[in-house]
Structures are given as C-alpha cells and as structure tokens.
Amino acid sequence: MAILSDKDLKELIKSENAVYSDKKDLDLDLQLGPSSLDLRLGYEFGILNTRKLELIDTRDMQKYDDYIKKEEHTPEDGVVIHPGEFILGSTLETINVPKDKVARVEGRSSYGRLGIIVHATAGFIDPGFEGDITLEIQNLGNAPVKIYPEDRVCQIVFESMTSEAGKPYGDKKDTKYMGQTGATGSRLNKEKR
C-alpha cells in the first residue's frame, strides 16, 4: 500500500470525486498538503445528555438514541468542548472512497496540542464508502476549547490497495453508515451479532 501524494490526491478528487462538498467549495490551495487533504468541521454536532442517562448499554441502544441531541453551530459562534467532554461532529466534506483505495482520517497537530482529538477510534474508511465522516471529538486537556465549523480540524490520507475490493463497503450487508450525513451517532443496534 502506498500513500497518495498531493498530485495524486488532486487527480483523485478531480477524476473520481473522492472528496467534495455541497456546502462550501474545496480550497485546494489551502487544504491540500504534500500527502493529505485537510477536512473542515461541519455545522452539526451530537451532544449526549449524560445527566439523564444512567449508562449506555451496547445491547439496548434505545436510551442512547433518546438522549443524544443534535445541535447546529455557526462558524461565528463555534462550540465549546469542556475538559473530558466527548461530542460528535462531522466533516463539511463528503468522502467517496474508490474501490481500490482506503482512507484514514487523522487529527491535526495544532488541535492535538490543545488537547483536542477528533477521532477516538474510527479513523479508517473502507473502499466503497461514501458519506460525511463523523468525528468523535474529545477534550483531553485541562481547559475548555472553542472550535468552529468550517475550520480545518483533521486531515484525510488515501492509500492504494493491492487490488480492487471484492466486496466494497456499500455492497456488504452490514453497512450501517453508508451515506451518513452530519454527526451520526452509534448504530450498534443495527449490527448483526
């Protein structure tokens, strides 16, 4: 597997529509790095009301669904993440991974140095996936941090696979996040066990 360069990323975006946004045009001069593309924070957030939730039961997700609240925030207002707080966000861009590629979302060091992580565990994107990327944002620091929609909070890296996937993400039966938009909560309740 090989990581795509800026030249290859530009071609992939142009020829395969691998990254696009219906909300705000890509700015390749600003977003494109030598081996990654910066992604911007979207407007929708998922905030879990933990004061009302006793626990999250991974085999009974109804309470989780009842207590996760969607909020919209503007680029002017931003959203404050308090120490230890965990919220869901999403990318402004939609990702469309070709069948012979995989992608990874990584945090940007400028946010990491403030204690902000943008994905807890879900940084890997399968071939064939298309949708917004839900960001699992947490403040590991000691001070509240305000982040803003439309800011470049993470980056995506594409890698070539040895061959095209035999069964891309959208073709599998258990594809609970295909086509997701906005801050999408856990769909463990739709998973085959």
N, C-alpha and C. Protein backbone atom coordinates (compact mmCIF):
# COMPACT_ATOMS: atom_id res chain seq x y z
N MET A 1 0.85 -1.18 0.00
CA MET A 1 0.00 0.00 0.00
C MET A 1 0.89 1.24 0.00
N ALA A 2 0.45 2.24 -0.74
CA ALA A 2 1.22 3.48 -0.86
C ALA A 2 0.30 4.67 -0.61
N ILE A 3 0.80 5.64 0.14
CA ILE A 3 0.05 6.86 0.40
C ILE A 3 0.11 7.75 -0.83
N LEU A 4 -1.02 8.32 -1.21
CA LEU A 4 -1.09 9.18 -2.38
C LEU A 4 -0.46 10.54 -2.09
N SER A 5 0.26 11.06 -3.08
CA SER A 5 0.89 12.38 -2.97
C SER A 5 -0.13 13.47 -3.29
N ASP A 6 0.29 14.70 -3.10
CA ASP A 6 -0.60 15.83 -3.41
C ASP A 6 -1.04 15.82 -4.88
N LYS A 7 -0.14 15.46 -5.79
CA LYS A 7 -0.51 15.40 -7.22
C LYS A 7 -1.57 14.31 -7.44
N ASP A 8 -1.37 13.15 -6.81
CA ASP A 8 -2.33 12.05 -6.96
C ASP A 8 -3.66 12.37 -6.29
N LEU A 9 -3.60 13.04 -5.15
CA LEU A 9 -4.83 13.44 -4.46
C LEU A 9 -5.65 14.40 -5.32
N LYS A 10 -4.98 15.37 -5.90
CA LYS A 10 -5.67 16.35 -6.76
C LYS A 10 -6.36 15.63 -7.92
N GLU A 11 -5.68 14.67 -8.53
CA GLU A 11 -6.26 13.91 -9.64
C GLU A 11 -7.42 13.04 -9.16
N LEU A 12 -7.28 12.41 -7.99
CA LEU A 12 -8.34 11.55 -7.43
C LEU A 12 -9.60 12.38 -7.14
N ILE A 13 -9.41 13.56 -6.61
CA ILE A 13 -10.54 14.45 -6.32
C ILE A 13 -11.23 14.87 -7.62
N LYS A 14 -10.43 15.17 -8.62
CA LYS A 14 -10.97 15.63 -9.90
C LYS A 14 -11.64 14.50 -10.68
N SER A 15 -10.97 13.37 -10.81
CA SER A 15 -11.46 12.30 -11.69
C SER A 15 -12.48 11.38 -11.03
N GLU A 16 -12.39 11.18 -9.72
CA GLU A 16 -13.28 10.22 -9.05
C GLU A 16 -14.19 10.85 -8.01
N ASN A 17 -14.14 12.19 -7.89
CA ASN A 17 -14.99 12.89 -6.93
C ASN A 17 -14.80 12.31 -5.52
N ALA A 18 -13.55 12.02 -5.16
CA ALA A 18 -13.23 11.34 -3.89
C ALA A 18 -13.51 12.21 -2.67
N VAL A 19 -13.44 13.52 -2.82
CA VAL A 19 -13.76 14.45 -1.74
C VAL A 19 -14.50 15.61 -2.38
N TYR A 20 -15.68 15.94 -1.82
CA TYR A 20 -16.45 17.05 -2.36
C TYR A 20 -17.30 17.65 -1.25
N SER A 21 -17.84 18.83 -1.49
CA SER A 21 -18.72 19.47 -0.53
C SER A 21 -19.82 20.21 -1.27
N ASP A 22 -21.04 19.94 -0.85
CA ASP A 22 -22.19 20.66 -1.39
C ASP A 22 -22.43 21.96 -0.61
N LYS A 23 -21.72 22.12 0.52
CA LYS A 23 -21.96 23.26 1.40
C LYS A 23 -20.99 24.41 1.17
N LYS A 24 -19.74 24.07 0.89
CA LYS A 24 -18.71 25.09 0.68
C LYS A 24 -17.61 24.47 -0.16
N ASP A 25 -17.25 25.13 -1.27
CA ASP A 25 -16.26 24.59 -2.21
C ASP A 25 -14.94 24.25 -1.52
N LEU A 26 -14.29 23.22 -2.04
CA LEU A 26 -12.93 22.90 -1.59
C LEU A 26 -12.01 24.05 -1.97
N ASP A 27 -11.01 24.29 -1.13
CA ASP A 27 -9.97 25.27 -1.43
C ASP A 27 -8.65 24.50 -1.42
N LEU A 28 -8.31 23.92 -2.57
CA LEU A 28 -7.12 23.07 -2.64
C LEU A 28 -5.84 23.82 -2.30
N ASP A 29 -5.77 25.13 -2.59
CA ASP A 29 -4.59 25.90 -2.22
C ASP A 29 -4.39 25.90 -0.71
N LEU A 30 -5.47 25.92 0.03
CA LEU A 30 -5.40 25.95 1.49
C LEU A 30 -5.42 24.54 2.09
N GLN A 31 -6.25 23.65 1.55
CA GLN A 31 -6.49 22.35 2.17
C GLN A 31 -5.52 21.25 1.78
N LEU A 32 -4.91 21.34 0.61
CA LEU A 32 -4.07 20.26 0.12
C LEU A 32 -2.65 20.37 0.66
N GLY A 33 -2.21 19.29 1.31
CA GLY A 33 -0.84 19.20 1.80
C GLY A 33 -0.05 18.24 0.93
N PRO A 34 1.21 17.96 1.28
CA PRO A 34 2.05 17.09 0.45
C PRO A 34 1.52 15.66 0.33
N SER A 35 0.79 15.18 1.35
CA SER A 35 0.29 13.79 1.31
C SER A 35 -1.08 13.63 1.96
N SER A 36 -1.77 14.74 2.19
CA SER A 36 -3.09 14.67 2.82
C SER A 36 -3.91 15.89 2.40
N LEU A 37 -5.19 15.80 2.70
CA LEU A 37 -6.11 16.91 2.45
C LEU A 37 -6.78 17.26 3.76
N ASP A 38 -6.68 18.52 4.17
CA ASP A 38 -7.36 18.95 5.39
C ASP A 38 -8.86 18.94 5.17
N LEU A 39 -9.58 18.46 6.18
CA LEU A 39 -11.05 18.46 6.16
C LEU A 39 -11.56 19.47 7.17
N ARG A 40 -12.69 20.07 6.84
CA ARG A 40 -13.26 21.12 7.69
C ARG A 40 -14.39 20.57 8.54
N LEU A 41 -14.56 21.19 9.68
CA LEU A 41 -15.61 20.83 10.62
C LEU A 41 -16.96 21.30 10.08
N GLY A 42 -17.95 20.41 10.13
CA GLY A 42 -19.31 20.75 9.70
C GLY A 42 -20.07 21.51 10.76
N TYR A 43 -21.36 21.71 10.53
CA TYR A 43 -22.19 22.56 11.37
C TYR A 43 -22.99 21.78 12.42
N GLU A 44 -23.13 20.47 12.24
CA GLU A 44 -23.99 19.67 13.13
C GLU A 44 -23.16 18.93 14.16
N PHE A 45 -23.67 18.91 15.40
CA PHE A 45 -23.00 18.22 16.50
C PHE A 45 -23.99 17.34 17.23
N GLY A 46 -23.49 16.24 17.76
CA GLY A 46 -24.30 15.34 18.58
C GLY A 46 -23.79 15.41 20.01
N ILE A 47 -24.66 15.85 20.90
CA ILE A 47 -24.28 16.02 22.30
C ILE A 47 -25.10 15.03 23.13
N LEU A 48 -24.42 14.19 23.89
CA LEU A 48 -25.09 13.19 24.71
C LEU A 48 -25.39 13.79 26.08
N ASN A 49 -26.67 13.80 26.46
CA ASN A 49 -27.07 14.33 27.76
C ASN A 49 -26.80 13.26 28.83
N THR A 50 -25.60 13.29 29.37
CA THR A 50 -25.19 12.26 30.34
C THR A 50 -25.82 12.46 31.71
N ARG A 51 -26.40 13.61 31.97
CA ARG A 51 -27.04 13.83 33.27
C ARG A 51 -28.33 13.02 33.40
N LYS A 52 -28.93 12.68 32.27
CA LYS A 52 -30.17 11.90 32.30
C LYS A 52 -29.94 10.43 32.00
N LEU A 53 -28.78 10.10 31.45
CA LEU A 53 -28.51 8.74 31.00
C LEU A 53 -27.75 7.98 32.08
N GLU A 54 -28.34 6.88 32.53
CA GLU A 54 -27.70 6.06 33.56
C GLU A 54 -26.44 5.40 33.02
N LEU A 55 -26.57 4.79 31.86
CA LEU A 55 -25.44 4.15 31.19
C LEU A 55 -25.81 3.88 29.75
N ILE A 56 -24.81 3.58 28.94
CA ILE A 56 -25.05 3.17 27.56
C ILE A 56 -24.90 1.66 27.53
N ASP A 57 -25.98 0.98 27.20
CA ASP A 57 -25.99 -0.48 27.09
C ASP A 57 -25.84 -0.83 25.61
N THR A 58 -24.73 -1.43 25.24
CA THR A 58 -24.45 -1.70 23.82
C THR A 58 -25.40 -2.74 23.22
N ARG A 59 -26.18 -3.41 24.05
CA ARG A 59 -27.18 -4.35 23.52
C ARG A 59 -28.60 -3.77 23.56
N ASP A 60 -28.74 -2.59 24.12
CA ASP A 60 -30.04 -1.89 24.14
C ASP A 60 -29.74 -0.40 23.94
N MET A 61 -29.69 0.00 22.69
CA MET A 61 -29.27 1.35 22.35
C MET A 61 -30.41 2.39 22.38
N GLN A 62 -31.61 2.00 22.81
CA GLN A 62 -32.74 2.93 22.80
C GLN A 62 -32.48 4.16 23.67
N LYS A 63 -31.94 3.97 24.87
CA LYS A 63 -31.68 5.13 25.74
C LYS A 63 -30.65 6.05 25.11
N TYR A 64 -29.66 5.48 24.46
CA TYR A 64 -28.65 6.29 23.76
C TYR A 64 -29.33 7.16 22.70
N ASP A 65 -30.16 6.55 21.88
CA ASP A 65 -30.88 7.30 20.83
C ASP A 65 -31.77 8.39 21.42
N ASP A 66 -32.37 8.12 22.59
CA ASP A 66 -33.26 9.09 23.23
C ASP A 66 -32.50 10.30 23.79
N TYR A 67 -31.24 10.12 24.18
CA TYR A 67 -30.52 11.17 24.89
C TYR A 67 -29.42 11.85 24.08
N ILE A 68 -29.26 11.47 22.83
CA ILE A 68 -28.29 12.21 22.01
C ILE A 68 -29.06 13.31 21.29
N LYS A 69 -28.61 14.53 21.48
CA LYS A 69 -29.30 15.70 20.95
C LYS A 69 -28.47 16.31 19.83
N LYS A 70 -29.12 16.64 18.72
CA LYS A 70 -28.44 17.30 17.59
C LYS A 70 -28.48 18.81 17.81
N GLU A 71 -27.36 19.45 17.55
CA GLU A 71 -27.26 20.90 17.64
C GLU A 71 -26.58 21.43 16.39
N GLU A 72 -27.01 22.59 15.94
CA GLU A 72 -26.35 23.28 14.84
C GLU A 72 -25.56 24.44 15.43
N HIS A 73 -24.33 24.63 14.94
CA HIS A 73 -23.50 25.75 15.37
C HIS A 73 -22.96 26.46 14.14
N THR A 74 -22.84 27.75 14.23
CA THR A 74 -22.37 28.56 13.10
C THR A 74 -20.86 28.76 13.19
N PRO A 75 -20.25 29.14 12.07
CA PRO A 75 -18.81 29.45 12.09
C PRO A 75 -18.48 30.65 13.00
N GLU A 76 -19.46 31.48 13.25
CA GLU A 76 -19.23 32.64 14.12
C GLU A 76 -19.32 32.25 15.60
N ASP A 77 -20.27 31.38 15.94
CA ASP A 77 -20.50 31.01 17.34
C ASP A 77 -19.55 29.92 17.84
N GLY A 78 -19.27 28.94 17.01
CA GLY A 78 -18.43 27.82 17.43
C GLY A 78 -19.11 26.96 18.47
N VAL A 79 -18.38 26.02 19.01
CA VAL A 79 -18.88 25.13 20.05
C VAL A 79 -17.75 24.92 21.06
N VAL A 80 -18.09 24.99 22.35
CA VAL A 80 -17.10 24.83 23.41
C VAL A 80 -17.10 23.37 23.85
N ILE A 81 -15.89 22.82 23.95
CA ILE A 81 -15.72 21.45 24.44
C ILE A 81 -14.97 21.54 25.76
N HIS A 82 -15.63 21.11 26.82
CA HIS A 82 -15.05 21.20 28.15
C HIS A 82 -14.11 20.03 28.42
N PRO A 83 -13.18 20.17 29.37
CA PRO A 83 -12.26 19.07 29.68
C PRO A 83 -13.01 17.77 29.95
N GLY A 84 -12.58 16.71 29.30
CA GLY A 84 -13.20 15.40 29.47
C GLY A 84 -14.45 15.19 28.64
N GLU A 85 -15.00 16.26 28.06
CA GLU A 85 -16.24 16.14 27.30
C GLU A 85 -16.00 15.45 25.95
N PHE A 86 -17.01 14.70 25.53
CA PHE A 86 -16.98 13.96 24.28
C PHE A 86 -18.22 14.34 23.49
N ILE A 87 -18.02 14.81 22.25
CA ILE A 87 -19.15 15.16 21.39
C ILE A 87 -18.90 14.56 20.01
N LEU A 88 -19.95 14.48 19.22
CA LEU A 88 -19.82 14.07 17.83
C LEU A 88 -19.88 15.30 16.95
N GLY A 89 -19.08 15.30 15.91
CA GLY A 89 -19.11 16.33 14.89
C GLY A 89 -19.11 15.63 13.55
N SER A 90 -18.95 16.38 12.50
CA SER A 90 -18.84 15.76 11.17
C SER A 90 -18.01 16.66 10.28
N THR A 91 -17.59 16.09 9.17
CA THR A 91 -16.82 16.88 8.21
C THR A 91 -17.78 17.65 7.30
N LEU A 92 -17.32 18.79 6.87
CA LEU A 92 -18.06 19.59 5.89
C LEU A 92 -18.01 18.88 4.54
N GLU A 93 -16.94 18.12 4.31
CA GLU A 93 -16.75 17.41 3.07
C GLU A 93 -17.38 16.01 3.13
N THR A 94 -17.82 15.55 1.99
CA THR A 94 -18.27 14.17 1.81
C THR A 94 -17.12 13.40 1.19
N ILE A 95 -16.92 12.17 1.68
CA ILE A 95 -15.83 11.33 1.19
C ILE A 95 -16.43 10.22 0.35
N ASN A 96 -15.80 9.93 -0.79
CA ASN A 96 -16.24 8.90 -1.71
C ASN A 96 -15.00 8.06 -2.06
N VAL A 97 -14.80 6.96 -1.33
CA VAL A 97 -13.58 6.18 -1.46
C VAL A 97 -13.70 5.20 -2.63
N PRO A 98 -12.81 5.31 -3.61
CA PRO A 98 -12.82 4.36 -4.72
C PRO A 98 -12.60 2.93 -4.23
N LYS A 99 -13.00 1.96 -5.05
CA LYS A 99 -12.94 0.54 -4.66
C LYS A 99 -11.53 0.00 -4.53
N ASP A 100 -10.54 0.73 -5.05
CA ASP A 100 -9.16 0.26 -4.95
C ASP A 100 -8.33 1.11 -3.98
N LYS A 101 -9.01 1.86 -3.12
CA LYS A 101 -8.34 2.73 -2.15
C LYS A 101 -8.95 2.54 -0.76
N VAL A 102 -8.20 2.91 0.25
CA VAL A 102 -8.70 3.08 1.61
C VAL A 102 -8.31 4.49 2.03
N ALA A 103 -8.96 4.99 3.05
CA ALA A 103 -8.63 6.33 3.54
C ALA A 103 -8.56 6.29 5.06
N ARG A 104 -7.80 7.23 5.60
CA ARG A 104 -7.69 7.37 7.05
C ARG A 104 -7.85 8.84 7.41
N VAL A 105 -8.59 9.08 8.46
CA VAL A 105 -8.72 10.44 9.00
C VAL A 105 -7.79 10.54 10.19
N GLU A 106 -7.01 11.60 10.19
CA GLU A 106 -6.06 11.85 11.28
C GLU A 106 -6.32 13.24 11.84
N GLY A 107 -6.04 13.44 13.11
CA GLY A 107 -6.15 14.76 13.70
C GLY A 107 -5.05 15.67 13.18
N ARG A 108 -5.24 16.94 13.35
CA ARG A 108 -4.19 17.92 13.01
C ARG A 108 -3.46 18.28 14.30
N SER A 109 -2.16 18.38 14.22
CA SER A 109 -1.34 18.59 15.42
C SER A 109 -1.66 19.90 16.14
N SER A 110 -2.08 20.92 15.41
CA SER A 110 -2.40 22.20 16.05
C SER A 110 -3.56 22.06 17.03
N TYR A 111 -4.50 21.16 16.74
CA TYR A 111 -5.61 20.90 17.67
C TYR A 111 -5.17 19.91 18.75
N GLY A 112 -4.38 18.92 18.37
CA GLY A 112 -3.87 17.96 19.34
C GLY A 112 -3.08 18.64 20.44
N ARG A 113 -2.37 19.69 20.12
CA ARG A 113 -1.57 20.41 21.11
C ARG A 113 -2.43 21.22 22.08
N LEU A 114 -3.71 21.35 21.75
CA LEU A 114 -4.66 21.98 22.67
C LEU A 114 -5.41 20.93 23.50
N GLY A 115 -5.13 19.64 23.22
CA GLY A 115 -5.81 18.56 23.92
C GLY A 115 -7.02 18.03 23.19
N ILE A 116 -7.26 18.50 21.96
CA ILE A 116 -8.44 18.09 21.20
C ILE A 116 -8.08 16.92 20.28
N ILE A 117 -8.79 15.80 20.45
CA ILE A 117 -8.68 14.71 19.49
C ILE A 117 -9.96 14.70 18.67
N VAL A 118 -9.85 14.38 17.38
CA VAL A 118 -11.02 14.45 16.51
C VAL A 118 -11.59 13.10 16.14
N HIS A 119 -10.89 12.03 16.44
CA HIS A 119 -11.49 10.72 16.26
C HIS A 119 -10.94 9.78 17.32
N ALA A 120 -11.86 9.21 18.08
CA ALA A 120 -11.46 8.32 19.16
C ALA A 120 -10.91 7.00 18.61
N THR A 121 -11.62 6.38 17.69
CA THR A 121 -11.15 5.10 17.14
C THR A 121 -11.50 4.92 15.67
N ALA A 122 -12.39 5.72 15.14
CA ALA A 122 -12.93 5.44 13.81
C ALA A 122 -12.25 6.25 12.72
N GLY A 123 -10.95 6.08 12.57
CA GLY A 123 -10.23 6.83 11.56
C GLY A 123 -10.10 6.12 10.23
N PHE A 124 -10.48 4.86 10.16
CA PHE A 124 -10.30 4.06 8.94
C PHE A 124 -11.57 4.10 8.10
N ILE A 125 -11.42 4.32 6.79
CA ILE A 125 -12.57 4.41 5.89
C ILE A 125 -12.40 3.36 4.79
N ASP A 126 -13.35 2.44 4.70
CA ASP A 126 -13.30 1.32 3.78
C ASP A 126 -13.48 1.74 2.32
N PRO A 127 -12.95 0.92 1.38
CA PRO A 127 -13.22 1.14 -0.03
C PRO A 127 -14.73 1.04 -0.30
N GLY A 128 -15.24 1.93 -1.12
CA GLY A 128 -16.66 1.92 -1.46
C GLY A 128 -17.52 2.78 -0.56
N PHE A 129 -16.98 3.27 0.57
CA PHE A 129 -17.78 4.12 1.47
C PHE A 129 -17.99 5.48 0.84
N GLU A 130 -19.21 6.01 1.01
CA GLU A 130 -19.49 7.39 0.65
C GLU A 130 -20.36 8.01 1.72
N GLY A 131 -19.96 9.18 2.19
CA GLY A 131 -20.72 9.90 3.20
C GLY A 131 -19.84 10.90 3.92
N ASP A 132 -20.46 11.66 4.81
CA ASP A 132 -19.70 12.56 5.68
C ASP A 132 -18.97 11.68 6.69
N ILE A 133 -17.90 12.19 7.23
CA ILE A 133 -17.17 11.47 8.27
C ILE A 133 -17.61 12.02 9.63
N THR A 134 -18.13 11.12 10.47
CA THR A 134 -18.47 11.52 11.83
C THR A 134 -17.18 11.59 12.62
N LEU A 135 -16.99 12.70 13.30
CA LEU A 135 -15.80 12.92 14.12
C LEU A 135 -16.15 12.69 15.58
N GLU A 136 -15.34 11.93 16.27
CA GLU A 136 -15.52 11.64 17.70
C GLU A 136 -14.57 12.55 18.45
N ILE A 137 -15.06 13.71 18.84
CA ILE A 137 -14.22 14.78 19.36
C ILE A 137 -14.20 14.75 20.89
N GLN A 138 -13.00 14.81 21.44
CA GLN A 138 -12.87 14.83 22.90
C GLN A 138 -11.80 15.83 23.29
N ASN A 139 -12.04 16.48 24.45
CA ASN A 139 -11.06 17.40 25.01
C ASN A 139 -10.31 16.66 26.10
N LEU A 140 -9.06 16.33 25.83
CA LEU A 140 -8.21 15.65 26.80
C LEU A 140 -7.44 16.64 27.68
N GLY A 141 -7.57 17.92 27.38
CA GLY A 141 -6.83 18.94 28.11
C GLY A 141 -7.50 19.35 29.41
N ASN A 142 -6.96 20.40 30.01
CA ASN A 142 -7.46 20.90 31.30
C ASN A 142 -8.29 22.17 31.18
N ALA A 143 -8.38 22.73 29.98
CA ALA A 143 -9.13 23.97 29.78
C ALA A 143 -10.17 23.78 28.69
N PRO A 144 -11.32 24.46 28.80
CA PRO A 144 -12.30 24.42 27.71
C PRO A 144 -11.68 24.97 26.43
N VAL A 145 -12.08 24.39 25.30
CA VAL A 145 -11.57 24.82 23.99
C VAL A 145 -12.77 25.05 23.07
N LYS A 146 -12.76 26.19 22.39
CA LYS A 146 -13.82 26.50 21.44
C LYS A 146 -13.31 26.19 20.04
N ILE A 147 -14.09 25.39 19.30
CA ILE A 147 -13.75 25.08 17.91
C ILE A 147 -14.88 25.60 17.02
N TYR A 148 -14.57 25.79 15.75
CA TYR A 148 -15.50 26.46 14.86
C TYR A 148 -15.78 25.66 13.59
N PRO A 149 -17.07 25.55 13.21
CA PRO A 149 -17.39 24.98 11.91
C PRO A 149 -16.64 25.74 10.80
N GLU A 150 -16.29 25.00 9.76
CA GLU A 150 -15.54 25.46 8.60
C GLU A 150 -14.04 25.55 8.84
N ASP A 151 -13.57 25.34 10.09
CA ASP A 151 -12.13 25.31 10.34
C ASP A 151 -11.59 23.93 9.98
N ARG A 152 -10.34 23.89 9.57
CA ARG A 152 -9.68 22.64 9.19
C ARG A 152 -9.21 21.92 10.46
N VAL A 153 -9.97 20.91 10.90
CA VAL A 153 -9.68 20.24 12.17
C VAL A 153 -9.01 18.88 12.02
N CYS A 154 -9.05 18.32 10.82
CA CYS A 154 -8.46 16.99 10.62
C CYS A 154 -7.97 16.89 9.18
N GLN A 155 -7.39 15.75 8.86
CA GLN A 155 -6.88 15.54 7.50
C GLN A 155 -7.16 14.11 7.07
N ILE A 156 -7.27 13.94 5.77
CA ILE A 156 -7.53 12.61 5.22
C ILE A 156 -6.35 12.20 4.35
N VAL A 157 -6.00 10.93 4.45
CA VAL A 157 -4.94 10.32 3.67
C VAL A 157 -5.56 9.17 2.89
N PHE A 158 -5.25 9.07 1.61
CA PHE A 158 -5.72 7.95 0.79
C PHE A 158 -4.55 7.03 0.51
N GLU A 159 -4.82 5.72 0.52
CA GLU A 159 -3.79 4.73 0.20
C GLU A 159 -4.33 3.81 -0.88
N SER A 160 -3.44 3.40 -1.79
CA SER A 160 -3.80 2.43 -2.83
C SER A 160 -3.71 1.03 -2.25
N MET A 161 -4.68 0.18 -2.62
CA MET A 161 -4.65 -1.22 -2.22
C MET A 161 -3.99 -2.04 -3.32
N THR A 162 -3.68 -3.27 -3.01
CA THR A 162 -3.04 -4.14 -4.00
C THR A 162 -3.97 -4.46 -5.16
N SER A 163 -5.28 -4.44 -4.92
CA SER A 163 -6.27 -4.63 -5.98
C SER A 163 -7.59 -4.05 -5.50
N GLU A 164 -8.57 -4.03 -6.37
CA GLU A 164 -9.89 -3.54 -6.03
C GLU A 164 -10.54 -4.47 -5.01
N ALA A 165 -11.30 -3.93 -4.08
CA ALA A 165 -12.01 -4.75 -3.09
C ALA A 165 -13.03 -5.64 -3.79
N GLY A 166 -13.10 -6.91 -3.40
CA GLY A 166 -14.07 -7.83 -3.96
C GLY A 166 -15.48 -7.50 -3.51
N LYS A 167 -15.62 -6.98 -2.29
CA LYS A 167 -16.91 -6.60 -1.74
C LYS A 167 -16.74 -5.26 -1.02
N PRO A 168 -16.86 -4.14 -1.75
CA PRO A 168 -16.71 -2.82 -1.14
C PRO A 168 -17.76 -2.57 -0.07
N TYR A 169 -17.52 -1.56 0.73
CA TYR A 169 -18.38 -1.25 1.88
C TYR A 169 -19.86 -1.21 1.52
N GLY A 170 -20.24 -0.51 0.50
CA GLY A 170 -21.65 -0.39 0.13
C GLY A 170 -22.30 -1.68 -0.34
N ASP A 171 -21.50 -2.67 -0.72
CA ASP A 171 -22.03 -3.95 -1.19
C ASP A 171 -22.24 -4.96 -0.06
N LYS A 172 -21.65 -4.71 1.09
CA LYS A 172 -21.80 -5.62 2.23
C LYS A 172 -23.18 -5.46 2.85
N LYS A 173 -23.66 -6.49 3.54
CA LYS A 173 -24.98 -6.42 4.19
C LYS A 173 -24.96 -5.52 5.42
N ASP A 174 -23.85 -5.49 6.13
CA ASP A 174 -23.75 -4.76 7.40
C ASP A 174 -23.08 -3.40 7.17
N THR A 175 -23.74 -2.53 6.40
CA THR A 175 -23.18 -1.21 6.10
C THR A 175 -24.07 -0.13 6.70
N LYS A 176 -24.02 0.00 7.98
CA LYS A 176 -24.95 0.88 8.69
C LYS A 176 -24.63 2.38 8.59
N TYR A 177 -23.48 2.73 8.03
CA TYR A 177 -23.11 4.14 7.95
C TYR A 177 -23.00 4.67 6.52
N MET A 178 -23.30 3.84 5.53
CA MET A 178 -23.22 4.28 4.14
C MET A 178 -24.16 5.46 3.92
N GLY A 179 -23.64 6.53 3.33
CA GLY A 179 -24.45 7.70 3.01
C GLY A 179 -24.76 8.60 4.19
N GLN A 180 -24.11 8.39 5.32
CA GLN A 180 -24.41 9.21 6.50
C GLN A 180 -24.12 10.68 6.24
N THR A 181 -24.93 11.53 6.85
CA THR A 181 -24.71 12.97 6.79
C THR A 181 -24.78 13.52 8.19
N GLY A 182 -23.96 14.51 8.45
CA GLY A 182 -23.95 15.14 9.77
C GLY A 182 -23.36 14.24 10.84
N ALA A 183 -23.51 14.67 12.09
CA ALA A 183 -22.97 13.95 13.25
C ALA A 183 -23.86 12.73 13.51
N THR A 184 -23.41 11.57 13.06
CA THR A 184 -24.20 10.35 13.14
C THR A 184 -23.80 9.55 14.38
N GLY A 185 -24.76 9.29 15.24
CA GLY A 185 -24.49 8.52 16.45
C GLY A 185 -24.28 7.04 16.15
N SER A 186 -23.93 6.30 17.19
CA SER A 186 -23.68 4.87 17.06
C SER A 186 -24.92 4.15 16.56
N ARG A 187 -24.70 3.20 15.68
CA ARG A 187 -25.79 2.36 15.16
C ARG A 187 -25.53 0.90 15.51
N LEU A 188 -24.99 0.67 16.70
CA LEU A 188 -24.73 -0.69 17.16
C LEU A 188 -25.99 -1.54 17.14
N ASN A 189 -27.14 -0.91 17.36
CA ASN A 189 -28.40 -1.65 17.37
C ASN A 189 -28.75 -2.23 16.00
N LYS A 190 -28.09 -1.77 14.94
CA LYS A 190 -28.35 -2.31 13.58
C LYS A 190 -27.30 -3.34 13.17
N GLU A 191 -26.38 -3.65 14.07
CA GLU A 191 -25.31 -4.57 13.75
C GLU A 191 -25.74 -6.01 13.97
N LYS A 192 -25.33 -6.89 13.05
CA LYS A 192 -25.60 -8.32 13.21
C LYS A 192 -24.66 -8.87 14.27
N ARG A 193 -25.20 -9.67 15.16
CA ARG A 193 -24.38 -10.23 16.25
C ARG A 193 -24.38 -11.72 16.17
